Protein backbone atom coordinates (compact mmCIF):
# COMPACT_ATOMS: atom_id res chain seq x y z
CA MET A 1 0.08 -0.22 0.03
CA MET A 2 3.12 2.36 0.77
CA GLU A 3 4.83 1.81 -2.99
CA GLU A 4 1.09 2.54 -4.86
CA ARG A 5 1.10 5.73 -2.97
CA LEU A 6 4.42 7.01 -3.46
CA GLY A 7 4.11 5.26 -6.81
CA ASN A 8 1.29 8.16 -6.89
CA GLU A 9 3.27 10.29 -5.70
CA VAL A 10 5.54 10.46 -7.61
CA LEU A 11 3.26 10.47 -10.95
CA LYS A 12 1.95 13.24 -9.53
CA SER A 13 4.80 15.29 -9.21
CA LEU A 14 7.05 14.14 -12.24
CA PHE A 15 3.33 15.67 -13.87
CA GLN A 16 3.67 19.25 -12.51
CA TYR A 17 7.32 19.75 -12.51
CA SER A 18 8.19 18.64 -16.04
CA ASP A 19 8.80 20.97 -18.48
CA ASP A 20 7.34 17.55 -21.05
CA GLY A 21 3.41 17.51 -21.75
CA PHE A 22 1.63 14.50 -20.47
CA ILE A 23 -1.41 13.43 -21.04
CA VAL A 24 -3.49 10.27 -20.38
CA VAL A 25 -6.78 8.63 -21.90
CA ASP A 26 -8.96 5.35 -21.72
CA ARG A 27 -9.66 2.48 -23.91
CA ASN A 28 -12.17 4.83 -25.50
CA GLY A 29 -10.08 7.77 -25.99
CA ILE A 30 -11.61 10.20 -23.06
CA VAL A 31 -9.06 12.10 -21.51
CA LEU A 32 -8.42 10.39 -17.51
CA GLU A 33 -5.34 13.33 -16.71
CA ILE A 34 -3.12 15.91 -18.27
CA ASN A 35 -0.84 17.84 -17.35
CA GLU A 36 -0.76 22.32 -17.12
CA GLN A 37 2.17 22.60 -19.20
CA TYR A 38 -0.22 20.76 -22.14
CA ALA A 39 -3.53 22.07 -21.06
CA SER A 40 -1.38 25.74 -21.53
CA TYR A 41 -1.30 24.68 -25.55
CA PHE A 42 -4.59 24.98 -25.78
CA SER A 43 -5.92 27.86 -23.23
CA LYS A 44 -7.46 25.51 -22.02
CA SER A 45 -7.59 24.61 -17.90
CA ARG A 46 -7.31 20.61 -16.48
CA ASP A 47 -10.87 21.06 -16.05
CA GLU A 48 -12.70 21.60 -19.32
CA ILE A 49 -10.54 18.86 -20.67
CA ILE A 50 -10.41 15.64 -18.21
CA GLY A 51 -13.63 14.37 -19.00
CA HIS A 52 -13.71 14.94 -22.77
CA PRO A 53 -12.95 13.32 -25.72
CA ILE A 54 -9.23 13.82 -26.47
CA GLU A 55 -10.44 14.83 -30.10
CA GLU A 56 -11.83 17.78 -28.75
CA THR A 57 -8.98 18.94 -27.88
CA ILE A 58 -6.13 17.64 -30.25
CA SER A 59 -8.43 17.29 -33.94
CA THR A 60 -4.87 15.40 -34.91
CA THR A 61 -5.00 13.23 -32.50
CA SER A 62 -2.76 9.32 -33.34
CA MET A 63 -3.61 7.82 -30.30
CA TYR A 64 -6.92 5.80 -31.43
CA ASP A 65 -4.29 4.55 -34.02
CA VAL A 66 -1.78 3.18 -30.42
CA MET A 67 -4.22 1.09 -29.46
CA GLU A 68 -6.02 -0.33 -32.30
CA ASN A 69 -2.19 -1.38 -33.20
CA GLY A 70 -0.89 -2.25 -29.54
CA LEU A 71 2.09 -0.13 -29.46
CA ILE A 72 3.67 0.09 -26.32
CA ASP A 73 6.44 2.26 -28.38
CA SER A 74 5.67 4.75 -31.27
CA ARG A 75 8.36 8.12 -31.18
CA GLU A 76 8.31 10.05 -33.72
CA ASP A 77 7.63 13.72 -34.67
CA VAL A 78 4.17 14.36 -34.54
CA TYR A 79 1.58 18.00 -35.35
CA LEU A 80 0.18 19.40 -32.54
CA GLN A 81 -3.03 20.90 -33.94
CA PRO A 82 -4.91 22.35 -31.25
CA TYR A 83 -8.36 21.94 -31.64
CA SER A 84 -10.65 25.28 -33.36
CA GLY A 85 -14.04 24.64 -32.97
CA GLU A 86 -17.09 27.38 -32.49
CA ASP A 87 -16.73 26.75 -28.88
CA LEU A 88 -13.32 28.19 -28.91
CA ARG A 89 -13.77 30.35 -30.51
CA HIS A 90 -13.31 33.24 -27.81
CA GLU A 91 -10.29 36.34 -27.19
CA ASN A 92 -7.46 34.27 -26.03
CA GLU A 93 -8.75 31.47 -26.77
CA MET A 94 -5.83 29.24 -27.74
CA GLN A 95 -1.37 29.86 -27.81
CA LEU A 96 -0.94 28.22 -30.93
CA VAL A 97 -2.47 29.89 -34.39
CA GLU A 98 -0.52 27.37 -36.47
CA ASP A 99 0.66 22.76 -36.77
CA ILE A 100 3.64 22.44 -34.36
CA ARG A 101 6.15 19.59 -35.18
CA ILE A 102 6.67 18.13 -31.73
CA PRO A 103 8.45 15.06 -30.53
CA ALA A 104 6.18 12.16 -28.49
CA LEU A 105 6.48 8.84 -27.03
CA ARG A 106 2.79 7.40 -27.04
CA PHE A 107 2.79 3.82 -25.53
CA CYS A 108 -0.56 1.13 -24.63
CA VAL A 109 -1.28 0.68 -20.85
CA TYR A 110 -2.13 -3.05 -20.76
CA ASP A 111 -3.58 -4.16 -17.16
CA GLU A 112 -1.97 -7.81 -15.47
CA ASP A 113 -3.97 -10.16 -18.14
CA ARG A 114 -3.51 -7.79 -21.16
CA ARG A 115 -6.52 -6.59 -21.48
CA LEU A 116 -6.32 -2.55 -22.92
CA LEU A 117 -6.52 0.19 -19.93
CA GLY A 118 -5.70 3.01 -22.40
CA ALA A 119 -2.86 5.31 -23.13
CA ALA A 120 -0.59 8.10 -22.61
CA ALA A 121 1.55 10.17 -24.48
CA GLN A 122 4.88 12.21 -23.24
CA MET A 123 5.94 15.17 -26.03
CA LYS A 124 8.28 17.37 -25.44
CA PHE A 125 8.01 20.98 -25.88
CA PRO A 126 11.38 21.84 -27.85
CA ASP A 127 9.87 25.54 -26.97
CA ARG A 128 9.78 25.56 -23.84
CA ALA A 129 12.91 23.79 -23.11
CA GLU A 130 14.24 27.38 -24.59
CA GLU A 131 12.11 29.50 -22.23
CA VAL A 132 13.01 28.29 -19.41
CA SER A 133 16.68 28.38 -20.28
CA ARG A 134 16.02 32.41 -21.47
CA LYS A 135 14.11 32.46 -18.37
CA TYR A 136 17.52 31.11 -15.99
CA ARG A 137 19.45 33.47 -18.46
CA GLU A 138 18.11 36.30 -17.96
CA ALA A 139 17.52 35.83 -13.67
CA GLU A 140 21.22 35.11 -13.78
CA LEU A 141 21.60 38.85 -15.88
CA ASP A 142 19.54 40.57 -13.37
CA TYR A 143 21.59 39.33 -10.45
CA TYR A 144 24.48 40.18 -12.10
CA LYS A 145 23.29 44.10 -12.61
CA GLU A 146 21.40 43.84 -9.70
CA SER A 147 25.18 43.24 -7.58
CA TYR A 148 26.47 45.33 -10.10
CA GLN A 149 24.75 47.27 -8.46
CA ASP A 150 24.74 47.30 -4.97
CA ASN A 151 28.43 46.68 -6.06
CA VAL A 152 28.95 50.45 -7.16
CA PHE A 153 26.24 51.79 -4.59
CA SER A 154 28.02 49.70 -1.32
CA LYS A 155 31.79 51.61 -2.29
CA SER A 156 30.74 55.46 -3.26
CA GLY A 157 28.39 58.18 -1.62
CA PHE A 158 29.79 61.53 -0.04
CA GLU A 159 29.82 59.34 2.85
CA ASN A 160 33.10 57.67 1.73
CA MET A 161 34.83 60.64 -0.36
CA LEU A 162 37.96 61.16 2.14
CA GLY A 163 39.50 64.67 2.63
CA ASN A 164 39.27 66.56 5.84
CA ASP A 165 40.83 69.71 4.34
CA ILE A 166 39.18 72.72 3.38
CA LYS A 167 39.10 72.79 -0.49
CA VAL A 168 37.81 68.99 -0.48
CA VAL A 169 35.19 70.22 2.38
CA ARG A 170 33.69 72.89 -0.12
CA VAL A 171 33.70 70.74 -3.04
CA ARG A 172 31.79 67.85 -0.99
CA LYS A 173 29.09 70.12 -0.01
CA MET A 174 28.26 71.67 -3.38
CA GLY A 175 27.82 68.35 -4.72
CA MET A 176 25.65 67.31 -2.37
CA LYS A 177 23.42 70.98 -2.91
CA ALA A 178 23.91 69.67 -6.71
CA ALA A 179 22.39 66.15 -5.56
CA GLN A 180 18.84 68.09 -4.71
CA SER A 181 18.20 69.11 -8.61
CA ASP A 182 18.54 67.47 -11.46
CA PHE A 183 20.66 69.68 -13.89
CA PRO A 184 23.25 68.47 -15.31
CA VAL A 185 26.22 68.38 -13.78
CA LEU A 186 30.49 68.66 -15.23
CA ILE A 187 32.80 67.92 -12.77
CA THR A 188 36.22 68.60 -13.91
CA GLY A 189 39.75 68.56 -12.61
CA GLU A 190 43.33 65.97 -13.10
CA THR A 191 42.88 62.62 -13.48
CA GLY A 192 42.75 60.00 -10.53
CA THR A 193 40.91 63.01 -7.99
CA GLY A 194 37.73 61.10 -7.90
CA LYS A 195 35.30 62.35 -10.44
CA GLU A 196 33.58 58.88 -10.99
CA VAL A 197 33.35 59.29 -7.60
CA MET A 198 31.91 62.22 -7.28
CA ALA A 199 29.12 61.41 -9.92
CA LYS A 200 28.27 58.01 -8.19
CA SER A 201 27.53 59.84 -5.07
CA ILE A 202 25.58 62.67 -6.53
CA HIS A 203 23.22 59.46 -8.46
CA LEU A 204 23.34 58.18 -4.62
CA ALA A 205 22.24 61.32 -2.88
CA GLY A 206 19.82 62.31 -5.51
CA SER A 207 16.26 61.12 -6.43
CA ARG A 208 17.39 58.90 -9.06
CA ARG A 209 19.25 56.76 -6.60
CA ASP A 210 17.19 53.55 -7.35
CA LYS A 211 16.97 54.00 -10.69
CA PRO A 212 20.51 52.64 -13.46
CA PHE A 213 23.77 54.46 -13.13
CA VAL A 214 25.00 53.54 -16.37
CA ALA A 215 29.00 54.90 -16.87
CA ILE A 216 30.79 55.16 -20.96
CA ASN A 217 34.35 56.63 -21.20
CA CYS A 218 34.14 58.64 -24.25
CA GLY A 219 38.15 58.41 -24.48
CA ALA A 220 38.15 54.67 -24.70
CA ILE A 221 35.45 53.63 -27.60
CA PRO A 222 36.50 53.79 -31.14
CA GLU A 223 35.34 56.73 -32.95
CA ASN A 224 33.54 55.03 -35.26
CA LEU A 225 31.15 52.97 -32.22
CA LEU A 226 30.72 55.86 -29.62
CA GLU A 227 27.12 56.54 -31.73
CA SER A 228 26.54 52.83 -31.41
CA GLU A 229 27.05 52.23 -27.97
CA LEU A 230 25.80 55.41 -26.64
CA PHE A 231 22.69 55.22 -28.76
CA GLY A 232 22.23 51.35 -29.70
CA TYR A 233 20.98 49.68 -32.96
CA GLU A 234 18.49 48.10 -35.06
CA SER A 235 18.82 44.22 -36.67
CA GLY A 236 20.80 44.72 -39.26
CA ALA A 237 22.15 48.49 -39.34
CA PHE A 238 25.74 47.32 -40.12
CA THR A 239 27.62 44.32 -40.47
CA GLY A 240 27.88 42.02 -37.81
CA ALA A 241 24.97 43.91 -35.45
CA LYS A 242 23.04 41.74 -33.38
CA LYS A 243 19.85 40.58 -34.27
CA GLY A 244 17.04 42.05 -32.38
CA GLY A 245 19.12 45.16 -32.07
CA LYS A 246 21.14 46.32 -29.25
CA PRO A 247 20.30 49.34 -26.41
CA GLY A 248 22.46 52.14 -26.14
CA LYS A 249 23.76 53.57 -22.92
CA PHE A 250 21.75 56.25 -22.42
CA GLU A 251 18.63 54.16 -22.63
CA GLN A 252 19.93 51.78 -20.05
CA ALA A 253 20.17 54.25 -17.81
CA ASP A 254 16.49 55.62 -18.20
CA GLY A 255 14.52 56.64 -15.24
CA GLY A 256 18.38 56.69 -13.77
CA THR A 257 21.82 58.94 -14.41
CA ILE A 258 24.24 58.24 -17.37
CA PHE A 259 27.93 59.22 -16.66
CA LEU A 260 29.39 60.88 -19.66
CA ASP A 261 33.09 60.36 -19.09
CA GLU A 262 36.67 61.64 -20.34
CA ILE A 263 33.65 64.27 -22.37
CA GLY A 264 36.45 66.33 -23.87
CA ASP A 265 37.45 63.43 -25.74
CA MET A 266 34.24 63.33 -27.89
CA PRO A 267 34.96 63.95 -31.19
CA LEU A 268 32.66 66.81 -33.15
CA HIS A 269 30.36 65.22 -35.26
CA MET A 270 29.18 63.11 -32.12
CA GLN A 271 28.76 66.09 -29.91
CA VAL A 272 26.04 67.44 -32.44
CA LYS A 273 24.17 64.13 -31.83
CA LEU A 274 24.91 64.41 -27.49
CA LEU A 275 23.40 67.98 -27.91
CA ARG A 276 20.57 66.96 -29.50
CA VAL A 277 19.71 64.20 -27.13
CA LEU A 278 19.91 66.96 -24.37
CA GLN A 279 17.89 69.69 -26.21
CA GLU A 280 14.85 66.80 -26.84
CA GLY A 281 15.24 64.90 -24.72
CA GLU A 282 15.28 61.28 -27.24
CA ILE A 283 17.41 59.17 -29.18
CA ASP A 284 17.73 58.13 -32.33
CA ARG A 285 18.83 54.65 -32.32
CA VAL A 286 21.75 53.17 -35.41
CA GLY A 287 19.65 52.51 -38.01
CA GLY A 288 16.18 53.25 -36.41
CA THR A 289 12.93 54.81 -38.35
CA HIS A 290 11.19 56.48 -35.08
CA PRO A 291 12.97 58.72 -32.51
CA MET A 292 13.06 57.03 -28.72
CA PRO A 293 12.26 59.16 -25.80
CA VAL A 294 14.36 59.29 -22.47
CA ASP A 295 14.59 60.56 -19.65
CA VAL A 296 18.30 60.70 -17.89
CA ARG A 297 21.02 62.55 -15.67
CA VAL A 298 23.58 63.78 -17.39
CA LEU A 299 26.88 64.17 -15.13
CA SER A 300 29.89 64.68 -17.53
CA ALA A 301 33.43 64.35 -16.55
CA THR A 302 37.23 65.47 -17.87
CA ARG A 303 41.16 66.00 -17.68
CA ARG A 304 40.62 68.11 -19.86
CA ASN A 305 40.72 72.88 -20.17
CA LEU A 306 37.20 72.47 -22.05
CA VAL A 307 37.45 76.50 -22.14
CA GLN A 308 40.31 76.34 -23.93
CA MET A 309 38.86 73.47 -26.70
CA MET A 310 36.24 75.93 -27.26
CA ALA A 311 38.92 78.65 -28.13
CA GLU A 312 40.91 76.24 -30.50
CA GLY A 313 37.75 74.93 -31.63
CA THR A 314 36.97 71.41 -30.89
CA PHE A 315 34.78 71.29 -28.15
CA ARG A 316 31.40 73.13 -29.02
CA GLU A 317 30.36 75.87 -27.24
CA ASP A 318 26.76 75.20 -26.67
CA LEU A 319 27.41 71.48 -25.69
CA PHE A 320 29.66 73.16 -23.05
CA TYR A 321 26.88 75.20 -21.12
CA ARG A 322 24.71 72.36 -21.83
CA LEU A 323 26.60 69.75 -19.65
CA ALA A 324 27.95 72.60 -17.18
CA VAL A 325 24.71 74.31 -15.33
CA VAL A 326 26.80 72.77 -13.26
CA ASN A 327 30.47 72.48 -12.27
CA LEU A 328 32.40 70.95 -9.66
CA GLN A 329 36.39 71.04 -9.48
CA THR A 330 38.20 68.17 -7.57
CA VAL A 331 40.91 68.96 -6.30
CA PRO A 332 44.45 67.91 -6.51
CA LEU A 333 45.81 65.87 -3.54
CA ARG A 334 49.25 68.06 -3.38
CA GLU A 335 46.65 70.77 -2.45
CA CYS A 336 45.31 68.60 0.53
CA PRO A 337 48.82 67.88 1.94
CA ARG A 338 47.51 67.37 5.55
CA ASP A 339 45.25 64.67 3.73
CA ILE A 340 47.69 62.50 2.26
CA LEU A 341 48.64 59.93 5.36
CA LEU A 342 44.31 59.94 5.99
CA HIS A 343 44.34 58.78 2.10
CA CYS A 344 46.63 56.27 2.87
CA PHE A 345 45.37 55.01 6.62
CA HIS A 346 42.07 54.35 4.73
CA HIS A 347 43.81 52.10 1.97
CA LEU A 348 45.94 50.37 4.00
CA THR A 349 43.65 49.17 6.29
CA ARG A 350 41.17 48.10 4.11
CA LEU A 351 44.53 45.87 2.80
CA ASN A 352 44.44 44.69 6.49
CA ARG A 353 41.15 44.15 6.08
CA GLN A 354 41.30 42.13 2.90
CA TYR A 355 44.73 39.90 3.92
CA ARG A 356 43.97 39.83 7.63
CA THR A 357 47.17 41.64 9.02
CA GLN A 358 48.05 44.21 10.78
CA ILE A 359 51.46 46.38 8.37
CA SER A 360 51.39 49.86 9.04
CA LEU A 361 53.63 52.83 7.81
CA SER A 362 56.94 53.43 9.28
CA GLU A 363 57.99 56.87 10.35
CA SER A 364 60.22 57.68 7.62
CA ALA A 365 57.96 56.33 5.06
CA LYS A 366 55.10 58.57 6.60
CA TYR A 367 58.10 61.39 5.69
CA CYS A 368 58.72 59.92 1.71
CA LEU A 369 54.55 60.13 1.40
CA LEU A 370 54.06 63.24 2.88
CA HIS A 371 56.40 65.28 0.46
CA HIS A 372 55.53 63.50 -2.41
CA THR A 373 53.73 65.86 -4.89
CA TRP A 374 51.41 62.94 -5.75
CA PRO A 375 51.12 63.80 -9.92
CA GLY A 376 48.67 60.83 -10.23
CA ASN A 377 46.66 61.92 -7.04
CA ILE A 378 44.74 59.90 -5.44
CA ARG A 379 44.78 56.86 -7.77
CA GLU A 380 48.75 56.81 -7.74
CA LEU A 381 48.71 57.19 -3.94
CA GLN A 382 46.36 53.62 -3.22
CA ASN A 383 48.65 52.34 -6.28
CA VAL A 384 51.78 53.43 -4.10
CA ILE A 385 50.38 51.34 -0.92
CA SER A 386 49.13 48.93 -2.39
CA SER A 387 52.67 48.18 -3.87
CA ALA A 388 54.84 48.78 -0.22
CA TYR A 389 52.37 46.80 1.64
CA ALA A 390 52.70 44.27 -1.09
CA MET A 391 56.60 44.59 -0.83
CA CYS A 392 56.71 44.55 2.87
CA GLU A 393 58.72 41.98 4.27
CA GLY A 394 58.06 42.69 8.18
CA GLU A 395 54.78 45.01 9.62
CA LEU A 396 56.30 48.02 8.55
CA ILE A 397 56.42 49.54 5.45
CA GLU A 398 59.69 51.04 5.30
CA PRO A 399 60.75 53.72 2.92
CA GLU A 400 63.02 50.97 0.89
CA ASN A 401 59.02 49.27 -0.25
CA LEU A 402 58.75 52.47 -1.71
CA PRO A 403 58.68 53.58 -5.26
CA GLN A 404 62.32 55.11 -5.76
CA ARG A 405 60.85 58.67 -6.66
CA ILE A 406 59.44 58.55 -2.91
CA ALA A 407 61.83 56.63 -1.49
CA GLN A 408 65.07 59.41 -2.27
CA LEU A 409 62.55 62.05 -0.43
CA ALA A 410 63.62 60.70 2.92
CA PRO A 411 65.25 63.09 5.31
CA TRP A 412 68.49 60.60 5.72
CA SER A 413 69.60 58.79 3.07
CA ILE A 414 68.04 55.22 3.29
CA SER A 415 68.84 54.40 -1.20
CA SER A 416 71.21 53.66 -2.94
CA GLY A 417 70.54 57.83 -4.65
CA GLY A 418 70.70 59.93 -1.48
CA ALA A 419 66.98 61.25 -0.54
CA SER A 420 67.24 64.90 -1.14
CA ALA A 421 64.61 66.57 0.84
CA GLY A 422 64.36 69.88 -1.18
CA GLN A 423 61.99 67.34 -3.13
CA THR A 424 58.82 68.30 -0.75
CA GLY A 425 55.73 69.21 -1.63
CA PRO A 426 53.77 72.74 -0.57
CA GLY A 427 52.85 73.86 2.54
CA THR A 428 54.81 70.29 3.94
CA GLY A 429 57.30 72.94 5.99
CA GLY A 430 60.67 71.04 4.66
CA GLU A 431 63.74 72.65 4.50
CA SER A 432 64.61 73.17 0.92
CA GLY A 433 68.05 72.31 -1.08
CA LYS A 434 69.83 70.49 0.73
CA ASP A 435 70.12 66.49 0.50
CA GLY A 436 69.38 64.79 3.61
CA ASP A 437 73.28 63.95 5.07
CA ASP A 438 73.35 67.99 4.95
CA LEU A 439 71.26 68.17 7.31
CA SER A 440 71.45 69.28 10.83
CA LEU A 441 70.19 67.78 13.62
CA LYS A 442 67.79 70.37 14.29
CA GLU A 443 66.46 70.71 10.98
CA LYS A 444 66.25 66.84 10.69
CA LEU A 445 63.99 66.93 14.26
CA ASN A 446 61.77 69.61 13.18
CA ASN A 447 61.15 67.29 10.31
CA TYR A 448 60.64 64.45 12.40
CA GLU A 449 58.18 66.51 15.26
CA ARG A 450 56.07 68.16 11.98
CA ILE A 451 55.23 64.29 10.90
CA LEU A 452 54.22 63.73 14.73
CA ILE A 453 51.85 66.57 14.74
CA ARG A 454 50.42 66.26 10.80
CA GLU A 455 49.86 62.49 12.11
CA ALA A 456 48.16 63.78 15.55
CA LEU A 457 46.40 65.90 13.19
CA ASP A 458 45.13 63.32 11.38
CA ALA A 459 43.24 61.03 13.92
CA GLY A 460 42.09 64.43 15.21
CA ASN A 461 39.99 64.68 12.53
CA GLY A 462 41.74 68.13 12.48
CA ASN A 463 40.90 68.50 15.75
CA MET A 464 43.71 70.94 17.77
CA ALA A 465 42.63 69.88 21.16
CA ALA A 466 42.51 66.46 20.17
CA ALA A 467 45.95 66.30 18.49
CA ALA A 468 47.50 68.01 21.78
CA ARG A 469 45.75 65.06 24.10
CA ARG A 470 47.51 63.27 21.33
CA LEU A 471 50.81 64.06 21.53
CA LYS A 472 50.19 65.01 25.31
CA ILE A 473 51.06 68.12 25.21
CA GLU A 474 49.26 71.67 26.13
CA ARG A 475 47.23 73.60 22.80
CA SER A 476 48.65 76.29 23.43
CA LEU A 477 52.54 74.50 23.09
CA LEU A 478 50.35 72.78 20.02
CA TYR A 479 50.41 76.02 18.41
CA LYS A 480 53.41 77.71 19.27
CA LYS A 481 54.94 74.58 17.66
CA MET A 482 53.19 74.31 14.63
CA GLU A 483 53.78 78.31 14.27
CA LYS A 484 57.53 77.54 14.57
CA LEU A 485 57.53 75.11 11.98
CA GLY A 486 55.71 76.69 9.63
CA MET A 487 52.90 74.81 10.01
CA LYS A 488 49.69 77.64 10.54
């Protein structure tokens, strides 16, 4: 009894979860069972099919021939043609309008005495398998899209924009204010100063935060492909075009934000097309015949001098004023010397957390980092710290772990080429024009004291009282020392 019940449950589960179609008829052709997958092909429910002759549902049925000939393994491709009687003619009456060729397995069912009980059929639906595969692919794509957006959102935002320098604080506040509207924003600044981080932060702080953020580097895409990447293309638009066409970045960003990085590298003919999109709020796919409306907020960035480019005729003036309704300029790291160690500690902390280590910076390494001019800005700093972390043998990064151009800035001889204290960055208070070996003891002590004070200030986020407590001196004395050392 238990085995019979188990067998029945297995059959029910097979009928319910299989992608194949199943149908069972008695010896008179009356449908005893059909699963939902099969019934759905006829826009009928199971209840409308079960208990009725099979030919009322499948006009081309061969089940009678199977039973008449006693077949137990009839495998062939059959034509599935839904019944189209007057009683079924209503809106959405059936999903099939043409005959469909489907692989089928049909067989007779007998009792123990070889008396015919009926017949059954299993139908293989190739399009159903393709549909399931397509749904899995779409689900996987959605997963990666969501993961990408989560990754973008978790690693960006104004709260993650480091910097205590007054210039950085001012730009950050301007970005927060710009996020409260939908005006186009042009972000200018040197390479490595966080222009894309600013763009993502504006998006996240605005009303479109739950919509797509789509970025494209206008200087990294070949000129002949840029139009199709931005605006998409229709099927057959050009040799190699995907069947069905492809949406462009503007379509992907519909409802959200598009970030046009390195907009200064966009060729003139594309500037004209972009200007029209900004003016009309619609795009034309390559090979398309009808414009498509899009609702996007445009953020752009460049390292180039667009004002000079306009004067030279290489950037359109009307496009500039469309893009630069709000203009933000990021700050080079060399203009924020007090933020240098802040960025170093932040990146080093991330590496220690990732690899479960406790590596730190030596005082001499800090001195070198503070006196470098950082032409590559924060991006260069992160690469330098990552390299030094990888090369460090103990738990302390020393100047010899740093690139030679930075290691040679140490105030004492630590590198093969000697150490030049004259290559100091602006605002660091270094002694100029002397090699490390030429510095007096007092000068070396002053440099070392500057490092300790800067470290205390960074640890206290610029708070003088906190820095004084860390150094275990009176705040008035700290002021005097900073004035003496040229740090105010």
